[in-house]
Protein backbone atom coordinates (compact mmCIF):
# COMPACT_ATOMS: atom_id res chain seq x y z
CA PHE A 1 -8.05 0.63 -16.89
CA GLN A 2 -4.78 1.77 -18.46
CA ARG A 3 -6.71 4.47 -20.34
CA PHE A 4 -8.07 5.61 -16.98
CA ILE A 5 -4.50 5.79 -15.63
CA ASP A 6 -3.39 7.77 -18.68
CA ASN A 7 -6.32 10.19 -18.72
CA THR A 8 -7.54 10.58 -15.14
CA TYR A 9 -4.99 9.38 -12.57
CA GLY A 10 -3.04 12.65 -12.41
CA THR A 11 -6.13 14.77 -11.74
CA LEU A 12 -7.14 12.71 -8.69
CA PHE A 13 -4.41 14.39 -6.64
CA THR A 14 -6.23 17.73 -6.97
CA TYR A 15 -9.36 16.43 -5.23
CA SER A 16 -10.00 16.95 -1.54
CA GLY A 17 -9.91 13.82 0.59
CA VAL A 18 -12.48 15.09 3.09
CA ARG A 19 -15.42 13.21 1.59
CA LYS A 20 -13.45 10.38 -0.01
CA PRO A 21 -9.71 9.69 -0.33
CA PHE A 22 -9.48 9.11 -4.07
CA VAL A 23 -5.70 8.60 -3.71
CA VAL A 24 -3.78 7.16 -0.77
CA SER A 25 -2.02 10.48 -0.11
CA ARG A 26 -5.42 11.90 0.94
CA ILE A 27 -6.26 9.21 3.51
CA LEU A 28 -4.99 11.16 6.52
CA GLU A 29 -6.93 14.23 5.37
CA HIS A 30 -10.07 12.07 5.24
CA ILE A 31 -9.50 10.61 8.70
CA ASN A 32 -8.77 14.06 10.12
CA ALA A 33 -12.19 15.23 8.94
CA LYS A 34 -13.91 12.59 11.07
CA GLN A 35 -15.17 13.35 14.56
CA ALA A 36 -14.07 10.20 16.39
CA LYS A 37 -11.98 10.97 19.49
CA LYS A 38 -9.64 8.02 18.89
CA ARG A 39 -8.61 6.89 15.41
CA VAL A 40 -6.35 4.13 14.12
CA LEU A 41 -5.09 3.62 10.57
CA LEU A 42 -4.00 0.06 9.84
CA VAL A 43 -1.92 -0.31 6.68
CA ILE A 44 -1.60 -3.93 5.55
CA ASP A 45 1.33 -3.78 3.15
CA GLY A 46 0.71 -5.44 -0.22
CA MET A 47 -2.91 -6.49 0.36
CA ASN A 48 -4.87 -6.28 -2.87
CA TYR A 49 -8.63 -5.99 -3.12
CA TRP A 50 -9.43 -9.67 -3.58
CA GLN A 51 -7.37 -10.46 -0.47
CA TRP A 52 -9.37 -7.85 1.39
CA THR A 53 -12.60 -9.70 0.51
CA ILE A 54 -11.22 -12.76 2.35
CA LEU A 55 -10.38 -10.68 5.43
CA SER A 56 -13.74 -8.92 5.16
CA LYS A 57 -15.57 -12.24 5.43
CA ALA A 58 -13.58 -13.16 8.53
CA LEU A 59 -14.47 -9.81 10.10
CA THR A 60 -18.14 -10.19 9.17
CA ASP A 61 -18.18 -13.68 10.69
CA ALA A 62 -16.87 -12.09 13.91
CA GLY A 63 -19.74 -9.59 13.92
CA ILE A 64 -17.72 -6.62 12.67
CA THR A 65 -19.51 -4.29 10.24
CA CYS A 66 -17.26 -2.92 7.48
CA SER A 67 -17.86 -0.05 5.09
CA SER A 68 -15.83 -0.98 2.00
CA ASN A 69 -14.48 1.62 -0.41
CA ALA A 70 -11.33 1.92 -2.49
CA SER A 71 -8.44 4.28 -3.03
CA ILE A 72 -5.74 4.59 -5.67
CA ALA A 73 -2.14 3.66 -4.86
CA TYR A 74 0.75 5.88 -5.84
CA ILE A 75 2.29 4.80 -9.18
CA PRO A 76 4.81 3.16 -9.47
CA THR A 77 3.18 0.95 -6.85
CA ILE A 78 6.17 0.35 -4.61
CA THR A 79 6.21 0.49 -0.81
CA ALA A 80 8.90 3.18 -0.66
CA TRP A 81 6.59 5.70 -2.32
CA SER A 82 2.99 4.59 -1.90
CA ARG A 83 3.23 3.80 1.83
CA GLN A 84 5.24 6.97 2.36
CA ALA A 85 2.40 8.88 0.64
CA ILE A 86 -0.10 7.40 3.09
CA PHE A 87 1.78 8.37 6.24
CA LYS A 88 2.99 11.71 4.89
CA GLY A 89 -0.47 12.72 3.72
CA ASP A 90 1.09 14.07 0.56
CA LYS A 91 3.03 13.01 -2.53
CA PRO A 92 6.19 11.10 -1.59
CA ASP A 93 9.79 12.20 -1.70
CA PHE A 94 11.41 9.99 -4.38
CA ALA A 95 14.77 10.21 -2.63
CA ALA A 96 13.34 8.84 0.63
CA ASP A 97 12.36 5.36 1.77
CA ASN A 98 10.02 4.24 4.56
CA SER A 99 12.48 4.64 7.41
CA LYS A 100 11.01 7.99 8.45
CA GLU A 101 7.32 7.35 7.86
CA GLY A 102 6.65 7.32 11.60
CA LYS A 103 8.08 10.85 11.81
CA LEU A 104 6.03 11.91 8.78
CA PHE A 105 2.88 10.52 10.39
CA GLU A 106 3.60 12.41 13.60
CA ALA A 107 4.37 15.63 11.69
CA PHE A 108 1.03 15.49 9.87
CA TRP A 109 -0.96 15.19 13.09
CA LEU A 110 1.09 17.77 14.96
CA LYS A 111 0.07 20.23 12.23
CA GLN A 112 -3.56 19.35 12.99
CA GLY A 113 -3.03 20.33 16.62
CA VAL A 114 -2.77 16.83 18.11
CA PRO A 115 -0.25 16.75 21.01
CA GLY A 116 2.77 14.56 20.34
CA TYR A 117 2.15 12.30 23.34
CA GLN A 118 -1.19 11.29 21.82
CA ILE A 119 0.34 10.11 18.51
CA VAL A 120 1.76 6.58 18.16
CA TYR A 121 3.19 4.69 15.18
CA LYS A 122 3.93 0.95 15.40
CA LYS A 123 4.78 -2.04 13.23
CA PHE A 124 3.64 -5.54 14.04
CA SER A 125 3.68 -9.01 12.49
CA VAL A 126 2.86 -12.65 13.12
CA ASN A 127 6.21 -13.02 14.88
CA GLU A 128 5.92 -9.73 16.77
CA PRO A 129 2.21 -9.32 17.52
CA LEU A 130 0.62 -6.05 18.53
CA VAL A 131 -0.23 -6.03 22.23
CA VAL A 132 -3.18 -3.68 22.27
CA THR A 133 -3.17 -3.44 26.09
CA ASP A 134 0.32 -1.90 25.90
CA ILE A 135 -0.97 1.11 23.95
CA SER A 136 -1.14 4.12 26.24
CA PRO A 137 -4.66 5.27 27.18
CA ASP A 138 -3.50 8.77 26.14
CA THR A 139 -3.18 7.66 22.50
CA THR A 140 -5.79 9.23 20.23
CA ILE A 141 -4.02 8.81 16.86
CA LEU A 142 -2.52 5.40 16.09
CA GLY A 143 -0.71 4.38 12.90
CA LEU A 144 -0.08 0.67 12.36
CA VAL A 145 1.84 -1.23 9.68
CA CYS A 146 1.77 -4.97 9.07
CA ASN A 147 4.19 -6.33 6.44
CA ASP A 148 3.11 -9.98 6.65
CA LEU A 149 1.03 -10.16 3.46
CA ASP A 150 3.73 -8.38 1.44
CA ASP A 151 6.30 -10.91 2.68
CA ILE A 152 3.90 -13.78 1.92
CA MET A 153 3.16 -12.39 -1.54
CA HIS A 154 6.82 -12.19 -2.53
CA GLY A 155 7.28 -15.79 -1.39
CA SER A 156 4.28 -17.21 -3.27
CA ILE A 157 5.87 -19.33 -5.99
CA LEU A 158 2.69 -21.16 -7.03
CA GLY A 159 0.63 -18.16 -8.10
CA ASN A 160 -2.63 -16.73 -6.82
CA SER A 161 -3.98 -20.07 -5.60
CA HIS A 162 -1.00 -20.32 -3.25
CA LEU A 163 -1.43 -16.69 -2.19
CA LYS A 164 -5.14 -17.20 -1.45
CA MET A 165 -4.42 -20.16 0.80
CA SER A 166 -1.59 -18.30 2.54
CA THR A 167 -3.83 -15.27 3.08
CA GLU A 168 -6.44 -17.44 4.79
CA GLN A 169 -3.76 -18.99 6.99
CA TRP A 170 -2.37 -15.57 7.87
CA ILE A 171 -5.79 -14.31 8.99
CA THR A 172 -6.03 -17.23 11.40
CA LYS A 173 -2.45 -17.25 12.70
CA SER A 174 -1.98 -13.49 12.96
CA GLY A 175 -5.05 -12.94 15.11
CA ILE A 176 -5.78 -9.85 13.01
CA VAL A 177 -9.53 -10.12 13.62
CA GLU A 178 -8.99 -10.27 17.38
CA THR A 179 -6.61 -7.31 17.16
CA ILE A 180 -9.24 -5.22 15.38
CA LEU A 181 -11.86 -6.24 17.95
CA SER A 182 -9.50 -5.17 20.75
CA LEU A 183 -8.86 -1.79 19.13
CA ARG A 184 -12.61 -1.21 18.79
CA ALA A 185 -13.13 -2.22 22.42
CA ARG A 186 -10.66 0.49 23.45
CA GLY A 187 -12.63 3.14 21.66
CA PHE A 188 -10.72 3.41 18.39
CA GLN A 189 -12.44 4.14 15.10
CA VAL A 190 -10.59 1.71 12.81
CA TYR A 191 -9.57 2.41 9.22
CA ILE A 192 -7.84 -0.22 7.08
CA THR A 193 -5.99 0.24 3.81
CA ALA A 194 -3.02 -1.00 1.79
CA ASP A 195 -0.17 0.85 0.11
CA HIS A 196 -0.42 -1.26 -3.05
CA GLY A 197 -1.80 -4.57 -4.24
CA ASN A 198 -0.10 -7.29 -6.26
CA VAL A 199 -0.47 -9.12 -9.54
CA GLU A 200 0.42 -12.56 -10.87
CA ALA A 201 2.77 -11.81 -13.76
CA THR A 202 4.71 -13.68 -16.43
CA GLY A 203 8.43 -13.20 -16.88
CA LEU A 204 9.25 -10.91 -19.80
CA LYS A 205 13.04 -10.82 -19.60
CA ASN A 206 15.75 -10.49 -17.03
CA LEU A 207 17.20 -6.99 -16.84
CA THR A 208 20.67 -6.76 -18.35
CA MET A 209 23.51 -4.77 -16.82
CA LYS A 210 22.92 -2.15 -19.50
CA ASP A 211 19.23 -1.94 -18.55
CA LYS A 212 20.16 -1.35 -14.93
CA VAL A 213 22.63 1.48 -15.55
CA GLY A 214 21.47 4.60 -13.74
CA ALA A 215 18.49 2.90 -12.08
CA LEU A 216 18.26 4.36 -8.56
CA SER A 217 15.64 1.79 -7.68
CA ARG A 218 14.32 -1.17 -9.60
CA GLY A 219 11.94 -4.03 -9.11
CA LYS A 220 10.21 -6.66 -11.16
CA ARG A 221 7.74 -4.11 -12.52
CA HIS A 222 9.39 -0.69 -12.25
CA LEU A 223 12.62 1.25 -12.86
CA HIS A 224 13.52 4.69 -11.53
CA PHE A 225 16.39 6.43 -13.30
CA THR A 226 18.80 9.17 -12.31
CA ASN A 227 18.20 11.23 -15.45
CA GLU A 228 16.20 11.56 -18.65
CA THR A 229 18.98 10.32 -20.92
CA LEU A 230 19.22 6.96 -19.18
CA LEU A 231 15.45 6.58 -19.13
CA GLN A 232 15.19 7.25 -22.85
CA GLY A 233 18.07 4.86 -23.44
CA PHE A 234 16.13 2.04 -21.80
CA ILE A 235 13.05 2.78 -23.93
CA GLU A 236 15.11 2.79 -27.13
CA GLN A 237 16.90 -0.45 -26.22
CA ASN A 238 13.62 -2.19 -25.33
CA PRO A 239 11.09 -1.12 -28.00
CA ASN A 240 8.93 -4.21 -27.42
CA VAL A 241 8.44 -3.56 -23.70
CA GLU A 242 5.19 -1.69 -23.04
CA VAL A 243 5.80 0.77 -20.21
CA GLY A 244 4.11 3.69 -18.59
CA ARG A 245 6.03 6.68 -17.41
CA LYS A 246 5.86 8.99 -14.38
CA GLY A 247 8.70 11.47 -14.04
CA LEU A 248 11.94 9.51 -14.19
CA SER A 249 10.17 6.21 -13.51
CA LEU A 250 9.03 3.53 -15.92
CA TYR A 251 6.55 0.85 -14.95
CA LEU A 252 5.01 -2.18 -16.64
CA ARG A 253 1.35 -1.97 -17.65
CA LYS A 254 0.58 -5.55 -18.65
CA GLN A 255 0.86 -8.71 -16.53
CA GLU A 256 4.60 -8.95 -17.13
CA ALA A 257 7.69 -8.85 -14.94
CA PHE A 258 11.40 -8.29 -15.30
CA THR A 259 12.37 -11.84 -14.48
CA THR A 260 13.14 -15.12 -16.25
CA GLU A 261 11.13 -15.39 -19.45
CA ASN A 262 7.78 -17.22 -19.07
CA SER A 263 8.25 -17.84 -15.33
CA GLN A 264 5.39 -16.96 -12.97
CA VAL A 265 5.80 -14.47 -10.15
CA ILE A 266 3.55 -12.45 -7.86
CA THR A 267 4.85 -8.93 -7.48
CA HIS A 268 3.99 -5.23 -7.72
CA GLY A 269 5.29 -1.88 -8.95
CA GLY A 270 3.27 -1.43 -12.14
CA SER A 271 -0.15 -0.05 -13.04
CA HIS A 272 -2.29 -3.19 -13.24
CA LEU A 273 -5.72 -2.86 -11.64
CA TRP A 274 -4.85 -5.35 -8.88
CA GLU A 275 -1.78 -3.27 -7.96
CA VAL A 276 -3.43 0.14 -8.10
CA ILE A 277 -6.93 -0.28 -6.62
CA VAL A 278 -6.52 -0.76 -2.88
CA PRO A 279 -9.19 -1.16 -0.20
CA PHE A 280 -10.07 1.73 2.08
CA ILE A 281 -12.22 0.43 4.91
CA SER A 282 -13.95 1.98 7.88
CA ILE A 283 -15.23 -0.27 10.64
CA ASN A 284 -18.35 0.51 12.66
CA GLU A 285 -17.97 4.18 11.78
CA GLU A 286 -19.94 6.49 14.04
């Protein structure tokens, strides 16, 4: 898979998303090519593909037909860039975070000729559920974000077995299946994806103060530096750490994390298959 990332990943951004969104930045282009009058994109932050299979079963049990495909997250697989890429419909701005993704989502659809009053972006969670009946009947383009699974993932201290159980509990308590049924009942064509997945990793080392110098952003599996000199300095100081590189970012390729040596953590930011391959789902597509 890492050879695929090295040899093919970069070329995927040149492909049209009309037939299939090979990368998450092409998802809006794909949805725009569809003929449905009302469309909703639900982004479940941090949901990897095996978690999707659990949700898929719950949807199937409720009589919902899903067409399951996959897309490729933006690397490094962090929310600030990969989710931004989804709602921007383009490569992300490295200097930006997710605070303006609602505006980016609106800007994309305005360019497609959709009136502003028909475009809505919302976040929801277990504690702040989405009230589908509150969505204006005028809405034809709806963007939704749910951070629950990302929050659950970062809090899973007992590995994937803990995360699996928590995912099943979330499906029940969140009412996500009922929410999707309600959206369908109101005439929305539903699309589901994730900005990145997650991987169970083993602690490699804690980052030292010297490692962190010049890192604009950092996580357990990625570092983004202010300049080339600092990036090269990290590589030279850590010759035994296997990293990939994209621009001024470094990311871990194996199941390792920048945390206490030999400890277990579930996280994201690197180029492991479970972080990069995300579900792209259409429900009852007409």
